[in-house]
Amino acid sequence: MSTRIAVVDDEPDIIHLLTIHLNKAGFEVESFLNGSSLLKFLSRSTPDLVLLDLMLPDLDGFEVCRIMKNDTKYSSIPIIMLTAKGEEHDKVTGLNLGADDYLTKPFSPKELIARVKAVLRRTTTSHPKQETLFIDNISINQERFEVIIDKKPVTLTPVEFKILLLLGQNQGKVFSRERILDHLWGNEKTVIDRTVDVHIKNLRDKLGPAGNLIKNIRGVGYKLQI
């Protein structure tokens, strides 16, 4: 079965160009001119990746990304944001909402295909098939994007969830800030290299007493250990 890419952009010429290059690379393409039509499509079908423009006529790309990453039915679908904006703030906002990568227009078709393949590799190899991970009194369900502690659900941001899952799947293993950023955002990690500590602090706070399982190894990084 072909890997299916959903392309969302309000410019038909760009959709046409992206479709040509994605098809040449062996991908199947579903195209949409606005965010609402993408969300309707997601209610009945699941693409392998979404290329999402920020400047859309109805819901902007940030809002679409927020909706997807906060809904357990769509949260596991990787997103690459496309935009003419190149400001660091826009990149940080998109990545913190849970986007997996970010491309600023204009970009070369070769770079686009390389980024798509890299994100697909990261998202398919970094998550084992085990649906629910149990750590002490914490259960992490990666299919439903759900964390439960002592039978009570805990609401995490997409970034917090990914950090917890990474540390939980590798209990006792120390991850440097650089490795955590690389796992989360690949090529965009230099944009936000000072925010790991903030995400870890917020994650610990939300986990309550269980947050003490996340250890800070001074000068090295973080690990999760019972």
Protein backbone atom coordinates (compact mmCIF):
# COMPACT_ATOMS: atom_id res chain seq x y z
CA MET A 1 0.00 0.00 0.00
CA SER A 2 1.33 3.45 -0.96
CA THR A 3 2.24 5.98 1.70
CA ARG A 4 -0.44 8.65 1.60
CA ILE A 5 0.35 12.35 2.12
CA ALA A 6 -2.33 14.98 2.78
CA VAL A 7 -1.36 18.36 1.33
CA VAL A 8 -3.16 21.47 2.64
CA ASP A 9 -2.54 24.79 0.86
CA ASP A 10 -4.86 27.51 -0.42
CA GLU A 11 -2.85 27.97 -3.62
CA PRO A 12 -3.80 25.42 -6.33
CA ASP A 13 -0.49 25.94 -8.16
CA ILE A 14 1.47 24.95 -5.07
CA ILE A 15 -0.73 21.92 -4.49
CA HIS A 16 -0.22 20.89 -8.11
CA LEU A 17 3.57 21.27 -7.82
CA LEU A 18 3.76 19.37 -4.55
CA THR A 19 1.56 16.60 -5.93
CA ILE A 20 3.81 16.14 -8.96
CA HIS A 21 6.98 15.79 -6.88
CA LEU A 22 5.38 13.61 -4.20
CA ASN A 23 3.91 11.31 -6.85
CA LYS A 24 7.33 11.03 -8.53
CA ALA A 25 8.77 9.98 -5.16
CA GLY A 26 6.16 7.21 -4.91
CA PHE A 27 3.67 8.87 -2.55
CA GLU A 28 -0.09 8.98 -2.93
CA VAL A 29 -1.51 12.50 -2.44
CA GLU A 30 -4.80 13.86 -1.09
CA SER A 31 -5.08 17.64 -1.51
CA PHE A 32 -7.14 20.26 0.34
CA LEU A 33 -7.55 24.02 -0.07
CA ASN A 34 -8.44 24.74 3.56
CA GLY A 35 -8.18 23.32 7.06
CA SER A 36 -11.85 22.46 7.44
CA SER A 37 -11.82 20.11 4.45
CA LEU A 38 -8.77 18.34 5.87
CA LEU A 39 -10.48 17.81 9.23
CA LYS A 40 -13.57 16.40 7.50
CA PHE A 41 -11.31 14.01 5.58
CA LEU A 42 -9.57 12.92 8.80
CA SER A 43 -12.91 11.95 10.29
CA ARG A 44 -13.16 9.13 7.73
CA SER A 45 -9.56 8.40 6.68
CA THR A 46 -6.01 8.56 8.09
CA PRO A 47 -3.07 9.76 5.98
CA ASP A 48 0.51 8.82 6.85
CA LEU A 49 1.64 12.46 7.02
CA VAL A 50 0.20 15.97 6.60
CA LEU A 51 1.91 18.85 4.79
CA LEU A 52 0.17 21.84 6.33
CA ASP A 53 0.39 25.44 5.15
CA LEU A 54 0.03 28.09 7.87
CA MET A 55 -1.77 30.78 5.86
CA LEU A 56 -5.16 29.24 5.19
CA PRO A 57 -8.49 31.01 4.46
CA ASP A 58 -10.46 29.49 7.35
CA LEU A 59 -8.55 27.85 10.20
CA ASP A 60 -4.86 28.73 10.12
CA GLY A 61 -2.26 26.00 10.21
CA PHE A 62 -1.53 26.54 13.89
CA GLU A 63 -5.18 25.93 14.80
CA VAL A 64 -5.40 22.84 12.58
CA CYS A 65 -2.23 21.48 14.19
CA ARG A 66 -3.61 22.20 17.67
CA ILE A 67 -6.87 20.41 16.88
CA MET A 68 -5.06 17.37 15.48
CA LYS A 69 -2.53 17.02 18.28
CA ASN A 70 -5.17 17.40 20.99
CA ASP A 71 -7.42 14.72 19.50
CA THR A 72 -6.42 11.13 20.21
CA LYS A 73 -7.78 10.03 16.81
CA TYR A 74 -5.32 12.26 14.94
CA SER A 75 -2.49 13.01 17.36
CA SER A 76 -0.15 10.32 16.01
CA ILE A 77 -0.27 11.67 12.42
CA PRO A 78 3.01 13.50 11.72
CA ILE A 79 2.79 17.09 10.49
CA ILE A 80 5.24 19.16 8.46
CA MET A 81 4.29 22.84 8.43
CA LEU A 82 4.73 24.87 5.24
CA THR A 83 4.77 28.65 5.24
CA ALA A 84 6.25 31.76 3.70
CA LYS A 85 6.99 33.00 7.21
CA GLY A 86 10.53 32.45 8.42
CA GLU A 87 10.43 34.07 11.83
CA GLU A 88 11.77 31.97 14.70
CA HIS A 89 8.61 32.62 16.72
CA ASP A 90 6.46 30.88 14.10
CA LYS A 91 8.77 27.86 14.06
CA VAL A 92 8.76 27.63 17.85
CA THR A 93 4.96 27.94 17.97
CA GLY A 94 4.43 25.21 15.38
CA LEU A 95 6.91 22.81 16.93
CA ASN A 96 5.59 23.35 20.44
CA LEU A 97 2.09 22.55 19.18
CA GLY A 98 3.42 19.18 18.12
CA ALA A 99 4.47 19.67 14.48
CA ASP A 100 7.23 17.25 13.50
CA ASP A 101 9.10 19.54 11.12
CA TYR A 102 8.92 22.95 9.45
CA LEU A 103 9.71 24.11 5.90
CA THR A 104 9.90 27.76 4.88
CA LYS A 105 8.86 28.66 1.32
CA PRO A 106 10.46 28.66 -1.15
CA PHE A 107 12.03 25.24 -0.73
CA SER A 108 13.43 22.79 -3.24
CA PRO A 109 11.48 19.66 -4.16
CA LYS A 110 14.49 17.56 -3.13
CA GLU A 111 14.51 19.12 0.34
CA LEU A 112 10.76 18.56 0.68
CA ILE A 113 11.02 14.87 -0.20
CA ALA A 114 14.02 14.44 2.10
CA ARG A 115 12.14 16.02 5.02
CA VAL A 116 9.02 13.90 4.37
CA LYS A 117 11.07 10.70 4.33
CA ALA A 118 13.01 11.72 7.45
CA VAL A 119 9.84 12.45 9.44
CA LEU A 120 8.24 9.20 8.31
CA ARG A 121 11.37 7.30 9.41
CA ARG A 122 11.39 9.01 12.81
CA THR A 123 7.71 8.46 13.50
CA THR A 124 7.64 4.83 12.38
CA THR A 125 10.87 3.69 14.07
CA SER A 126 10.65 5.63 17.34
CA HIS A 127 7.36 4.07 18.47
CA PRO A 128 7.30 0.35 19.16
CA LYS A 129 4.13 -1.65 18.56
CA GLN A 130 3.37 -1.98 22.27
CA GLU A 131 0.24 0.13 22.67
CA THR A 132 0.33 0.77 26.43
CA LEU A 133 3.43 1.32 28.52
CA PHE A 134 3.22 0.81 32.30
CA ILE A 135 5.71 2.53 34.60
CA ASP A 136 5.04 2.27 38.32
CA ASN A 137 1.59 3.91 38.71
CA ILE A 138 1.73 5.55 35.25
CA SER A 139 0.17 4.10 32.11
CA ILE A 140 1.00 5.65 28.74
CA ASN A 141 -1.16 4.75 25.74
CA GLN A 142 0.54 6.05 22.61
CA GLU A 143 -2.31 5.12 20.27
CA ARG A 144 -4.83 7.15 22.28
CA PHE A 145 -2.26 9.80 23.30
CA GLU A 146 -3.33 9.17 26.89
CA VAL A 147 -1.54 9.25 30.25
CA ILE A 148 -3.23 7.90 33.38
CA ILE A 149 -1.88 8.03 36.94
CA ASP A 150 -3.74 6.15 39.67
CA LYS A 151 -6.76 5.85 37.36
CA LYS A 152 -6.86 9.63 36.77
CA PRO A 153 -6.14 11.08 33.29
CA VAL A 154 -3.31 13.60 32.97
CA THR A 155 -3.45 16.18 30.18
CA LEU A 156 -0.10 16.73 28.49
CA THR A 157 0.94 18.81 25.50
CA PRO A 158 2.21 16.86 22.46
CA VAL A 159 5.79 17.80 23.34
CA GLU A 160 5.43 16.71 26.97
CA PHE A 161 3.86 13.42 25.88
CA LYS A 162 6.69 12.69 23.45
CA ILE A 163 9.33 13.39 26.11
CA LEU A 164 7.58 11.15 28.65
CA LEU A 165 7.20 8.37 26.07
CA LEU A 166 10.87 8.63 25.05
CA LEU A 167 12.11 8.43 28.64
CA GLY A 168 9.56 5.75 29.56
CA GLN A 169 10.50 3.49 26.67
CA ASN A 170 14.15 3.77 27.70
CA GLN A 171 13.98 3.53 31.49
CA GLY A 172 17.31 4.18 33.19
CA LYS A 173 18.92 5.53 30.03
CA VAL A 174 20.17 9.11 30.22
CA PHE A 175 19.23 11.43 27.35
CA SER A 176 21.05 14.71 26.82
CA ARG A 177 19.03 17.80 25.95
CA GLU A 178 20.47 17.59 22.44
CA ARG A 179 19.27 14.01 21.98
CA ILE A 180 15.82 14.85 23.30
CA LEU A 181 15.54 17.75 20.85
CA ASP A 182 16.78 15.60 17.99
CA HIS A 183 14.15 12.97 18.80
CA LEU A 184 11.41 15.60 18.89
CA TRP A 185 12.26 17.92 16.06
CA GLY A 186 15.21 16.71 14.03
CA ASN A 187 16.57 19.51 11.85
CA GLU A 188 14.73 22.23 13.76
CA LYS A 189 16.26 21.43 17.14
CA THR A 190 18.59 24.47 17.13
CA VAL A 191 15.58 26.78 17.16
CA ILE A 192 14.49 25.74 20.63
CA ASP A 193 17.58 24.32 22.32
CA ARG A 194 16.86 26.18 25.58
CA THR A 195 13.32 24.90 26.15
CA VAL A 196 13.90 21.27 27.20
CA ASP A 197 14.23 22.22 30.87
CA VAL A 198 10.95 24.13 30.70
CA HIS A 199 9.11 21.18 29.16
CA ILE A 200 10.58 18.80 31.74
CA LYS A 201 9.54 21.10 34.60
CA ASN A 202 5.99 21.37 33.25
CA LEU A 203 5.87 17.60 32.74
CA ARG A 204 7.00 16.92 36.29
CA ASP A 205 4.43 19.35 37.67
CA LYS A 206 1.59 17.67 35.77
CA LEU A 207 2.68 14.19 36.86
CA GLY A 208 2.56 15.20 40.53
CA PRO A 209 4.50 12.86 42.86
CA ALA A 210 5.22 10.58 39.87
CA GLY A 211 7.23 13.45 38.39
CA ASN A 212 10.03 12.49 40.79
CA LEU A 213 10.68 9.48 38.55
CA ILE A 214 12.25 11.88 36.02
CA LYS A 215 15.79 12.42 37.24
CA ASN A 216 18.08 15.30 36.31
CA ILE A 217 21.64 14.05 35.81
CA ARG A 218 23.63 17.23 36.34
CA GLY A 219 25.67 18.22 33.32
CA VAL A 220 24.36 15.30 31.27
CA GLY A 221 20.58 15.28 30.82
CA TYR A 222 17.50 13.39 31.99
CA LYS A 223 16.35 9.86 32.63
CA LEU A 224 13.25 8.12 33.98
CA GLN A 225 13.88 5.55 36.68
CA ILE A 226 11.70 3.87 39.29
